[in-house]
């Protein structure tokens, strides 16, 4: 895989993205299952610390070669590590303690529209009429999912907190993806190695807070396997592939692949968690997907 990362071909980017979305769908399932077994911030800390340790032997040489650039651009690297790895997944795990894996995955699919909006806000990317219409349609789809298809909930404000946290997390991810265009000119290995380490450090005090308040991980073969999946596959492999894909084909084209996550997640959730998709899931996802299609034309 590392040899393929050096080839900047569109076919490689698509291959990496399909693999990444499948692994992240599994991470939604893991986050939902871990609720009650592994505190969310502890899971995030263990995930990124493990990924950083495993990545270090591969990234060390690249970091040494890129060190002059890293010294000059460390604030930017700190911001990207904080947003993309350090906070987004922590919010995701927190959301999954109160919402279903299917809901979280569908809400996450609004990301491509938010990426376009973030590009317009931060870099003055021009917004066309079709993009604005697409955003409105996708927003309607988000509302369907958040309100569980019952718009009367608006009057009583009976929102699921997990859904709202997931929406906020998706916004953080959109900002991160848009900001990747400002990534310092260092190798992919250097970038992911450093951002993993930053994410682990960001989540260390949060995990310490959980431990101090009696929220501890149940150490079992299942929880250890969950941490290994999160640290190796959902982090080490998936983020490396995602960062390289954005570098090859750009943030907007990459963002479209996020829609594979709800498809993979819904199947896994039915098989592994016993979740049953509802009609509002289909309606909401259809509207979100239609909005992204309109916005991307």
C-alpha atoms as a PDB file:
ATOM      1  CA  UNK A   1       0.000   0.000   0.000  1.00  0.00           C
ATOM      2  CA  UNK A   2       2.794   2.440   0.837  1.00  0.00           C
ATOM      3  CA  UNK A   3       4.256   2.020  -2.637  1.00  0.00           C
ATOM      4  CA  UNK A   4       0.881   2.796  -4.205  1.00  0.00           C
ATOM      5  CA  UNK A   5       0.623   6.013  -2.200  1.00  0.00           C
ATOM      6  CA  UNK A   6       3.480   7.405  -4.273  1.00  0.00           C
ATOM      7  CA  UNK A   7       1.435   7.075  -7.487  1.00  0.00           C
ATOM      8  CA  UNK A   8      -0.860  10.076  -7.947  1.00  0.00           C
ATOM      9  CA  UNK A   9      -3.497   8.417 -10.133  1.00  0.00           C
ATOM     10  CA  UNK A  10      -7.256   8.940 -10.030  1.00  0.00           C
ATOM     11  CA  UNK A  11      -7.805   5.159 -10.011  1.00  0.00           C
ATOM     12  CA  UNK A  12      -5.703   4.854  -6.850  1.00  0.00           C
ATOM     13  CA  UNK A  13      -7.628   7.696  -5.201  1.00  0.00           C
ATOM     14  CA  UNK A  14     -10.974   5.984  -5.916  1.00  0.00           C
ATOM     15  CA  UNK A  15      -9.665   2.659  -4.611  1.00  0.00           C
ATOM     16  CA  UNK A  16      -8.402   4.288  -1.415  1.00  0.00           C
ATOM     17  CA  UNK A  17     -11.692   6.120  -0.893  1.00  0.00           C
ATOM     18  CA  UNK A  18     -13.863   3.013  -1.231  1.00  0.00           C
ATOM     19  CA  UNK A  19     -11.641   1.238   1.300  1.00  0.00           C
ATOM     20  CA  UNK A  20     -11.702   4.272   3.597  1.00  0.00           C
ATOM     21  CA  UNK A  21     -15.483   4.606   3.599  1.00  0.00           C
ATOM     22  CA  UNK A  22     -15.904   0.916   4.351  1.00  0.00           C
ATOM     23  CA  UNK A  23     -13.539   1.170   7.307  1.00  0.00           C
ATOM     24  CA  UNK A  24     -15.262   4.326   8.595  1.00  0.00           C
ATOM     25  CA  UNK A  25     -18.645   2.612   8.319  1.00  0.00           C
ATOM     26  CA  UNK A  26     -17.227  -0.062  10.588  1.00  0.00           C
ATOM     27  CA  UNK A  27     -16.108   2.679  12.941  1.00  0.00           C
ATOM     28  CA  UNK A  28     -19.720   3.893  13.264  1.00  0.00           C
ATOM     29  CA  UNK A  29     -20.714   0.380  14.271  1.00  0.00           C
ATOM     30  CA  UNK A  30     -17.797   0.160  16.694  1.00  0.00           C
ATOM     31  CA  UNK A  31     -18.638   3.521  18.272  1.00  0.00           C
ATOM     32  CA  UNK A  32     -22.231   2.488  18.844  1.00  0.00           C
ATOM     33  CA  UNK A  33     -21.238  -0.906  20.261  1.00  0.00           C
ATOM     34  CA  UNK A  34     -18.570   0.654  22.503  1.00  0.00           C
ATOM     35  CA  UNK A  35     -21.165   2.783  24.304  1.00  0.00           C
ATOM     36  CA  UNK A  36     -21.235   1.358  27.798  1.00  0.00           C
ATOM     37  CA  UNK A  37     -18.004  -0.609  27.297  1.00  0.00           C
ATOM     38  CA  UNK A  38     -15.447   2.078  26.443  1.00  0.00           C
ATOM     39  CA  UNK A  39     -15.952   5.757  27.376  1.00  0.00           C
ATOM     40  CA  UNK A  40     -15.986   7.837  24.157  1.00  0.00           C
ATOM     41  CA  UNK A  41     -13.047  10.115  24.932  1.00  0.00           C
ATOM     42  CA  UNK A  42     -11.009   7.197  26.236  1.00  0.00           C
ATOM     43  CA  UNK A  43     -11.694   5.358  22.979  1.00  0.00           C
ATOM     44  CA  UNK A  44     -10.546   8.393  20.989  1.00  0.00           C
ATOM     45  CA  UNK A  45      -7.362   8.693  23.057  1.00  0.00           C
ATOM     46  CA  UNK A  46      -6.496   5.004  22.715  1.00  0.00           C
ATOM     47  CA  UNK A  47      -7.309   5.059  19.013  1.00  0.00           C
ATOM     48  CA  UNK A  48      -5.012   7.907  18.084  1.00  0.00           C
ATOM     49  CA  UNK A  49      -2.233   7.018  20.509  1.00  0.00           C
ATOM     50  CA  UNK A  50      -2.072   3.517  19.058  1.00  0.00           C
ATOM     51  CA  UNK A  51      -2.123   4.879  15.507  1.00  0.00           C
ATOM     52  CA  UNK A  52       0.680   7.331  16.305  1.00  0.00           C
ATOM     53  CA  UNK A  53       2.884   4.627  17.822  1.00  0.00           C
ATOM     54  CA  UNK A  54       2.342   2.281  14.878  1.00  0.00           C
ATOM     55  CA  UNK A  55       2.898   5.062  12.355  1.00  0.00           C
ATOM     56  CA  UNK A  56       6.125   6.362  13.904  1.00  0.00           C
ATOM     57  CA  UNK A  57       8.549   3.836  12.301  1.00  0.00           C
ATOM     58  CA  UNK A  58       7.167   4.646   8.837  1.00  0.00           C
ATOM     59  CA  UNK A  59       6.940   8.401   9.340  1.00  0.00           C
ATOM     60  CA  UNK A  60      10.205   9.042  11.192  1.00  0.00           C
ATOM     61  CA  UNK A  61      12.395   9.371   8.111  1.00  0.00           C
ATOM     62  CA  UNK A  62       9.866  11.548   6.322  1.00  0.00           C
ATOM     63  CA  UNK A  63       9.459  13.807   9.370  1.00  0.00           C
ATOM     64  CA  UNK A  64      13.236  14.279   9.568  1.00  0.00           C
ATOM     65  CA  UNK A  65      13.370  15.204   5.884  1.00  0.00           C
ATOM     66  CA  UNK A  66      10.426  17.607   6.227  1.00  0.00           C
ATOM     67  CA  UNK A  67      11.514  19.099   9.544  1.00  0.00           C
ATOM     68  CA  UNK A  68      12.513  22.561   8.189  1.00  0.00           C
ATOM     69  CA  UNK A  69       9.018  22.992   6.716  1.00  0.00           C
ATOM     70  CA  UNK A  70       7.368  21.531   9.822  1.00  0.00           C
ATOM     71  CA  UNK A  71       9.139  24.052  12.072  1.00  0.00           C
ATOM     72  CA  UNK A  72       7.833  26.924   9.958  1.00  0.00           C
ATOM     73  CA  UNK A  73       4.256  25.667   9.625  1.00  0.00           C
ATOM     74  CA  UNK A  74       3.600  23.954  12.978  1.00  0.00           C
ATOM     75  CA  UNK A  75       0.573  26.144  13.889  1.00  0.00           C
ATOM     76  CA  UNK A  76      -1.208  24.995  10.732  1.00  0.00           C
ATOM     77  CA  UNK A  77      -0.355  21.359  11.439  1.00  0.00           C
ATOM     78  CA  UNK A  78      -1.584  21.757  15.010  1.00  0.00           C
ATOM     79  CA  UNK A  79      -4.925  23.122  13.790  1.00  0.00           C
ATOM     80  CA  UNK A  80      -5.412  20.325  11.246  1.00  0.00           C
ATOM     81  CA  UNK A  81      -4.494  17.645  13.775  1.00  0.00           C
ATOM     82  CA  UNK A  82      -6.828  19.172  16.350  1.00  0.00           C
ATOM     83  CA  UNK A  83      -9.817  19.362  13.984  1.00  0.00           C
ATOM     84  CA  UNK A  84      -9.486  16.370  11.709  1.00  0.00           C
ATOM     85  CA  UNK A  85      -8.377  13.685  14.118  1.00  0.00           C
ATOM     86  CA  UNK A  86      -8.413  15.146  17.597  1.00  0.00           C
ATOM     87  CA  UNK A  87     -11.962  16.492  17.847  1.00  0.00           C
ATOM     88  CA  UNK A  88     -14.087  15.108  15.011  1.00  0.00           C
ATOM     89  CA  UNK A  89     -13.908  11.471  16.063  1.00  0.00           C
ATOM     90  CA  UNK A  90     -14.287  12.307  19.740  1.00  0.00           C
ATOM     91  CA  UNK A  91     -17.553  14.097  18.921  1.00  0.00           C
ATOM     92  CA  UNK A  92     -18.597  11.152  16.773  1.00  0.00           C
ATOM     93  CA  UNK A  93     -18.088   8.683  19.623  1.00  0.00           C
ATOM     94  CA  UNK A  94     -19.976  10.978  22.001  1.00  0.00           C
ATOM     95  CA  UNK A  95     -22.858  11.228  19.512  1.00  0.00           C
ATOM     96  CA  UNK A  96     -23.016   7.454  19.162  1.00  0.00           C
ATOM     97  CA  UNK A  97     -23.739   7.080  22.867  1.00  0.00           C
ATOM     98  CA  UNK A  98     -27.156   8.681  22.209  1.00  0.00           C
ATOM     99  CA  UNK A  99     -28.036   7.991  18.579  1.00  0.00           C
ATOM    100  CA  UNK A 100     -27.985   5.021  16.245  1.00  0.00           C
ATOM    101  CA  UNK A 101     -25.147   4.132  13.905  1.00  0.00           C
ATOM    102  CA  UNK A 102     -27.535   4.513  10.959  1.00  0.00           C
ATOM    103  CA  UNK A 103     -28.588   8.032  11.997  1.00  0.00           C
ATOM    104  CA  UNK A 104     -25.001   9.112  12.557  1.00  0.00           C
ATOM    105  CA  UNK A 105     -23.874   7.809   9.181  1.00  0.00           C
ATOM    106  CA  UNK A 106     -26.726   9.477   7.284  1.00  0.00           C
ATOM    107  CA  UNK A 107     -26.173  12.824   9.014  1.00  0.00           C
ATOM    108  CA  UNK A 108     -22.482  12.523   8.197  1.00  0.00           C
ATOM    109  CA  UNK A 109     -23.409  12.357   4.504  1.00  0.00           C
ATOM    110  CA  UNK A 110     -24.279  16.070   4.596  1.00  0.00           C
ATOM    111  CA  UNK A 111     -20.543  16.650   4.722  1.00  0.00           C
ATOM    112  CA  UNK A 112     -19.966  17.286   0.981  1.00  0.00           C
ATOM    113  CA  UNK A 113     -22.416  20.216   0.997  1.00  0.00           C
ATOM    114  CA  UNK A 114     -20.748  21.646   4.103  1.00  0.00           C
ATOM    115  CA  UNK A 115     -17.341  21.255   2.434  1.00  0.00           C
ATOM    116  CA  UNK A 116     -18.527  23.419  -0.472  1.00  0.00           C
ATOM    117  CA  UNK A 117     -19.937  25.966   1.981  1.00  0.00           C
ATOM    118  CA  UNK A 118     -16.704  25.981   3.989  1.00  0.00           C
ATOM    119  CA  UNK A 119     -14.705  26.590   0.828  1.00  0.00           C
ATOM    120  CA  UNK A 120     -16.902  29.577   0.011  1.00  0.00           C
ATOM    121  CA  UNK A 121     -16.613  31.006   3.530  1.00  0.00           C
ATOM    122  CA  UNK A 122     -12.884  30.487   3.988  1.00  0.00           C
ATOM    123  CA  UNK A 123     -11.474  30.814   0.475  1.00  0.00           C
ATOM    124  CA  UNK A 124     -14.196  32.730  -1.372  1.00  0.00           C
ATOM    125  CA  UNK A 125     -14.961  29.837  -3.670  1.00  0.00           C
ATOM    126  CA  UNK A 126     -17.775  30.984  -5.906  1.00  0.00           C
ATOM    127  CA  UNK A 127     -21.192  29.530  -5.038  1.00  0.00           C
ATOM    128  CA  UNK A 128     -23.422  28.904  -8.029  1.00  0.00           C
ATOM    129  CA  UNK A 129     -27.210  28.777  -8.005  1.00  0.00           C
ATOM    130  CA  UNK A 130     -27.267  24.980  -8.255  1.00  0.00           C
ATOM    131  CA  UNK A 131     -25.033  24.719  -5.192  1.00  0.00           C
ATOM    132  CA  UNK A 132     -27.382  26.888  -3.150  1.00  0.00           C
ATOM    133  CA  UNK A 133     -30.379  24.823  -4.278  1.00  0.00           C
ATOM    134  CA  UNK A 134     -28.481  21.634  -3.449  1.00  0.00           C
ATOM    135  CA  UNK A 135     -27.687  22.887   0.027  1.00  0.00           C
ATOM    136  CA  UNK A 136     -31.371  23.670   0.650  1.00  0.00           C
ATOM    137  CA  UNK A 137     -32.460  20.197  -0.499  1.00  0.00           C
ATOM    138  CA  UNK A 138     -29.770  18.501   1.601  1.00  0.00           C
ATOM    139  CA  UNK A 139     -30.720  20.577   4.619  1.00  0.00           C
ATOM    140  CA  UNK A 140     -34.286  19.354   4.253  1.00  0.00           C
ATOM    141  CA  UNK A 141     -32.967  15.801   4.266  1.00  0.00           C
ATOM    142  CA  UNK A 142     -30.983  16.470   7.421  1.00  0.00           C
ATOM    143  CA  UNK A 143     -34.132  17.836   9.071  1.00  0.00           C
ATOM    144  CA  UNK A 144     -36.053  14.675   8.140  1.00  0.00           C
ATOM    145  CA  UNK A 145     -33.427  12.478   9.818  1.00  0.00           C
ATOM    146  CA  UNK A 146     -32.955  14.663  12.900  1.00  0.00           C
ATOM    147  CA  UNK A 147     -36.728  14.965  13.431  1.00  0.00           C
ATOM    148  CA  UNK A 148     -37.272  11.262  12.649  1.00  0.00           C
ATOM    149  CA  UNK A 149     -39.713  12.308   9.947  1.00  0.00           C
ATOM    150  CA  UNK A 150     -41.950  14.073  12.469  1.00  0.00           C
ATOM    151  CA  UNK A 151     -41.832  17.807  11.784  1.00  0.00           C
ATOM    152  CA  UNK A 152     -44.137  18.393  14.753  1.00  0.00           C
ATOM    153  CA  UNK A 153     -41.020  17.846  16.876  1.00  0.00           C
ATOM    154  CA  UNK A 154     -39.939  21.370  15.940  1.00  0.00           C
ATOM    155  CA  UNK A 155     -42.695  22.786  18.152  1.00  0.00           C
ATOM    156  CA  UNK A 156     -41.630  20.725  21.163  1.00  0.00           C
ATOM    157  CA  UNK A 157     -37.884  20.818  20.413  1.00  0.00           C
ATOM    158  CA  UNK A 158     -37.569  17.100  21.116  1.00  0.00           C
ATOM    159  CA  UNK A 159     -34.291  16.634  19.272  1.00  0.00           C
ATOM    160  CA  UNK A 160     -31.969  13.719  19.928  1.00  0.00           C
ATOM    161  CA  UNK A 161     -28.780  15.191  21.415  1.00  0.00           C
ATOM    162  CA  UNK A 162     -26.697  12.566  19.678  1.00  0.00           C
ATOM    163  CA  UNK A 163     -28.017  13.679  16.287  1.00  0.00           C
ATOM    164  CA  UNK A 164     -27.153  17.311  17.051  1.00  0.00           C
ATOM    165  CA  UNK A 165     -23.646  16.394  18.217  1.00  0.00           C
ATOM    166  CA  UNK A 166     -23.152  14.404  15.011  1.00  0.00           C
ATOM    167  CA  UNK A 167     -24.249  17.386  12.932  1.00  0.00           C
ATOM    168  CA  UNK A 168     -21.697  19.567  14.719  1.00  0.00           C
ATOM    169  CA  UNK A 169     -19.019  16.907  14.207  1.00  0.00           C
ATOM    170  CA  UNK A 170     -19.820  16.825  10.484  1.00  0.00           C
ATOM    171  CA  UNK A 171     -19.313  20.587  10.352  1.00  0.00           C
ATOM    172  CA  UNK A 172     -15.919  20.208  12.006  1.00  0.00           C
ATOM    173  CA  UNK A 173     -14.981  17.565   9.443  1.00  0.00           C
ATOM    174  CA  UNK A 174     -16.081  19.808   6.567  1.00  0.00           C
ATOM    175  CA  UNK A 175     -13.872  22.630   7.839  1.00  0.00           C
ATOM    176  CA  UNK A 176     -10.977  20.215   8.178  1.00  0.00           C
ATOM    177  CA  UNK A 177     -11.405  18.907   4.630  1.00  0.00           C
ATOM    178  CA  UNK A 178     -11.646  22.423   3.209  1.00  0.00           C
ATOM    179  CA  UNK A 179      -8.541  23.463   5.149  1.00  0.00           C
ATOM    180  CA  UNK A 180      -6.555  20.523   3.769  1.00  0.00           C
ATOM    181  CA  UNK A 181      -5.792  22.674   0.739  1.00  0.00           C
ATOM    182  CA  UNK A 182      -3.578  24.745   3.072  1.00  0.00           C
ATOM    183  CA  UNK A 183      -1.684  21.658   4.210  1.00  0.00           C
ATOM    184  CA  UNK A 184       2.052  22.374   4.426  1.00  0.00           C
ATOM    185  CA  UNK A 185       4.105  20.939   1.549  1.00  0.00           C
ATOM    186  CA  UNK A 186       5.242  17.850   3.429  1.00  0.00           C
ATOM    187  CA  UNK A 187       4.860  14.163   2.633  1.00  0.00           C
ATOM    188  CA  UNK A 188       1.674  12.282   3.434  1.00  0.00           C
ATOM    189  CA  UNK A 189       3.590  10.095   5.897  1.00  0.00           C
ATOM    190  CA  UNK A 190       4.841  13.144   7.789  1.00  0.00           C
ATOM    191  CA  UNK A 191       1.395  14.721   7.832  1.00  0.00           C
ATOM    192  CA  UNK A 192      -0.562  11.754   9.140  1.00  0.00           C
ATOM    193  CA  UNK A 193       2.164  10.781  11.618  1.00  0.00           C
ATOM    194  CA  UNK A 194       2.151  14.235  13.192  1.00  0.00           C
ATOM    195  CA  UNK A 195      -1.638  14.663  13.188  1.00  0.00           C
ATOM    196  CA  UNK A 196      -2.104  11.267  14.850  1.00  0.00           C
ATOM    197  CA  UNK A 197       0.253  12.306  17.630  1.00  0.00           C
ATOM    198  CA  UNK A 198      -1.553  15.646  18.010  1.00  0.00           C
ATOM    199  CA  UNK A 199      -4.914  13.850  18.235  1.00  0.00           C
ATOM    200  CA  UNK A 200      -3.626  11.550  20.963  1.00  0.00           C
ATOM    201  CA  UNK A 201      -2.351  14.495  23.004  1.00  0.00           C
ATOM    202  CA  UNK A 202      -5.617  16.429  22.536  1.00  0.00           C
ATOM    203  CA  UNK A 203      -7.650  13.511  23.884  1.00  0.00           C
ATOM    204  CA  UNK A 204      -5.306  12.641  26.772  1.00  0.00           C
ATOM    205  CA  UNK A 205      -6.775  15.180  29.257  1.00  0.00           C
ATOM    206  CA  UNK A 206     -10.297  14.299  28.125  1.00  0.00           C
ATOM    207  CA  UNK A 207      -9.688  10.616  28.795  1.00  0.00           C
ATOM    208  CA  UNK A 208      -8.145  11.577  32.140  1.00  0.00           C
ATOM    209  CA  UNK A 209     -11.302  13.492  33.021  1.00  0.00           C
ATOM    210  CA  UNK A 210     -13.414  10.416  32.272  1.00  0.00           C
ATOM    211  CA  UNK A 211     -11.167   8.228  34.414  1.00  0.00           C
ATOM    212  CA  UNK A 212     -11.300  10.704  37.301  1.00  0.00           C
ATOM    213  CA  UNK A 213     -15.111  10.554  37.157  1.00  0.00           C
ATOM    214  CA  UNK A 214     -15.206   6.766  37.287  1.00  0.00           C
ATOM    215  CA  UNK A 215     -15.716   6.144  33.569  1.00  0.00           C
ATOM    216  CA  UNK A 216     -13.318   3.320  32.757  1.00  0.00           C
ATOM    217  CA  UNK A 217     -12.869   0.863  29.926  1.00  0.00           C
ATOM    218  CA  UNK A 218     -13.963  -2.725  30.512  1.00  0.00           C
ATOM    219  CA  UNK A 219     -10.838  -4.680  29.545  1.00  0.00           C
ATOM    220  CA  UNK A 220     -12.075  -7.709  27.615  1.00  0.00           C
ATOM    221  CA  UNK A 221     -11.005  -9.408  24.370  1.00  0.00           C
ATOM    222  CA  UNK A 222     -13.854  -7.584  22.624  1.00  0.00           C
ATOM    223  CA  UNK A 223     -12.872  -4.102  23.811  1.00  0.00           C
ATOM    224  CA  UNK A 224      -9.212  -4.735  22.996  1.00  0.00           C
ATOM    225  CA  UNK A 225     -10.217  -5.828  19.490  1.00  0.00           C
ATOM    226  CA  UNK A 226     -12.341  -2.684  19.168  1.00  0.00           C
ATOM    227  CA  UNK A 227      -9.391  -0.449  20.065  1.00  0.00           C
ATOM    228  CA  UNK A 228      -7.180  -2.320  17.592  1.00  0.00           C
ATOM    229  CA  UNK A 229      -9.745  -1.844  14.826  1.00  0.00           C
ATOM    230  CA  UNK A 230     -10.093   1.857  15.602  1.00  0.00           C
ATOM    231  CA  UNK A 231      -6.345   2.442  15.880  1.00  0.00           C
ATOM    232  CA  UNK A 232      -5.105   0.338  12.979  1.00  0.00           C
ATOM    233  CA  UNK A 233      -7.843   0.182  10.354  1.00  0.00           C
ATOM    234  CA  UNK A 234     -10.113   3.190  10.989  1.00  0.00           C
ATOM    235  CA  UNK A 235      -7.130   5.458  11.735  1.00  0.00           C
ATOM    236  CA  UNK A 236      -3.776   4.264  10.421  1.00  0.00           C
ATOM    237  CA  UNK A 237      -5.061   2.882   7.130  1.00  0.00           C
ATOM    238  CA  UNK A 238      -8.172   4.995   6.507  1.00  0.00           C
ATOM    239  CA  UNK A 239      -6.758   8.449   7.275  1.00  0.00           C
ATOM    240  CA  UNK A 240      -3.621   7.771   5.286  1.00  0.00           C
ATOM    241  CA  UNK A 241      -5.742   6.818   2.283  1.00  0.00           C
ATOM    242  CA  UNK A 242      -8.103   9.782   2.763  1.00  0.00           C
ATOM    243  CA  UNK A 243      -5.320  12.361   3.034  1.00  0.00           C
ATOM    244  CA  UNK A 244      -3.648  10.991  -0.076  1.00  0.00           C
ATOM    245  CA  UNK A 245      -6.945  10.960  -1.997  1.00  0.00           C
ATOM    246  CA  UNK A 246      -7.627  14.633  -1.197  1.00  0.00           C
ATOM    247  CA  UNK A 247      -4.109  15.401  -2.379  1.00  0.00           C
ATOM    248  CA  UNK A 248      -4.760  13.631  -5.694  1.00  0.00           C
ATOM    249  CA  UNK A 249      -8.326  14.597  -6.669  1.00  0.00           C
ATOM    250  CA  UNK A 250      -9.231  17.485  -4.327  1.00  0.00           C
ATOM    251  CA  UNK A 251     -11.606  17.969  -1.411  1.00  0.00           C
ATOM    252  CA  UNK A 252     -14.875  18.399  -3.342  1.00  0.00           C
ATOM    253  CA  UNK A 253     -14.513  15.231  -5.428  1.00  0.00           C
ATOM    254  CA  UNK A 254     -13.335  13.319  -2.379  1.00  0.00           C
ATOM    255  CA  UNK A 255     -16.297  14.456  -0.311  1.00  0.00           C
ATOM    256  CA  UNK A 256     -18.811  12.745  -2.608  1.00  0.00           C
ATOM    257  CA  UNK A 257     -17.517   9.333  -1.505  1.00  0.00           C
ATOM    258  CA  UNK A 258     -18.792  10.031   2.026  1.00  0.00           C
ATOM    259  CA  UNK A 259     -22.172   8.803   0.752  1.00  0.00           C
ATOM    260  CA  UNK A 260     -20.844   5.265   0.721  1.00  0.00           C
ATOM    261  CA  UNK A 261     -20.675   5.346   4.538  1.00  0.00           C
ATOM    262  CA  UNK A 262     -24.474   5.260   5.166  1.00  0.00           C
ATOM    263  CA  UNK A 263     -24.871   2.441   2.671  1.00  0.00           C
ATOM    264  CA  UNK A 264     -22.152   0.333   4.305  1.00  0.00           C
ATOM    265  CA  UNK A 265     -23.260   1.318   7.816  1.00  0.00           C
ATOM    266  CA  UNK A 266     -26.938   0.459   7.350  1.00  0.00           C
ATOM    267  CA  UNK A 267     -26.077  -3.069   6.235  1.00  0.00           C
ATOM    268  CA  UNK A 268     -23.580  -3.589   9.064  1.00  0.00           C
ATOM    269  CA  UNK A 269     -25.992  -2.100  11.617  1.00  0.00           C
ATOM    270  CA  UNK A 270     -28.732  -4.541  10.619  1.00  0.00           C
ATOM    271  CA  UNK A 271     -26.410  -7.538  10.742  1.00  0.00           C
ATOM    272  CA  UNK A 272     -24.332  -6.674  13.815  1.00  0.00           C
ATOM    273  CA  UNK A 273     -26.491  -4.350  15.937  1.00  0.00           C
ATOM    274  CA  UNK A 274     -30.008  -5.353  14.995  1.00  0.00           C
ATOM    275  CA  UNK A 275     -30.922  -1.815  13.929  1.00  0.00           C
ATOM    276  CA  UNK A 276     -33.893  -1.571  11.575  1.00  0.00           C
ATOM    277  CA  UNK A 277     -33.823   1.279   9.041  1.00  0.00           C
ATOM    278  CA  UNK A 278     -37.046   3.311   8.985  1.00  0.00           C
ATOM    279  CA  UNK A 279     -38.841   5.084   6.158  1.00  0.00           C
ATOM    280  CA  UNK A 280     -37.521   8.467   7.338  1.00  0.00           C
ATOM    281  CA  UNK A 281     -33.956   7.151   6.918  1.00  0.00           C
ATOM    282  CA  UNK A 282     -34.608   6.454   3.243  1.00  0.00           C
ATOM    283  CA  UNK A 283     -36.403   9.785   2.730  1.00  0.00           C
ATOM    284  CA  UNK A 284     -33.713  11.801   4.505  1.00  0.00           C
ATOM    285  CA  UNK A 285     -30.819  10.076   2.806  1.00  0.00           C
ATOM    286  CA  UNK A 286     -32.517  10.436  -0.585  1.00  0.00           C
ATOM    287  CA  UNK A 287     -32.926  14.190  -0.083  1.00  0.00           C
ATOM    288  CA  UNK A 288     -29.341  14.618   1.127  1.00  0.00           C
ATOM    289  CA  UNK A 289     -28.019  12.637  -1.818  1.00  0.00           C
ATOM    290  CA  UNK A 290     -30.177  14.597  -4.264  1.00  0.00           C
ATOM    291  CA  UNK A 291     -28.940  17.862  -2.792  1.00  0.00           C
ATOM    292  CA  UNK A 292     -25.311  16.841  -3.143  1.00  0.00           C
ATOM    293  CA  UNK A 293     -25.944  15.688  -6.728  1.00  0.00           C
ATOM    294  CA  UNK A 294     -27.453  19.082  -7.583  1.00  0.00           C
ATOM    295  CA  UNK A 295     -24.633  20.952  -5.828  1.00  0.00           C
ATOM    296  CA  UNK A 296     -21.895  18.934  -7.551  1.00  0.00           C
ATOM    297  CA  UNK A 297     -23.251  19.366 -11.096  1.00  0.00           C
END
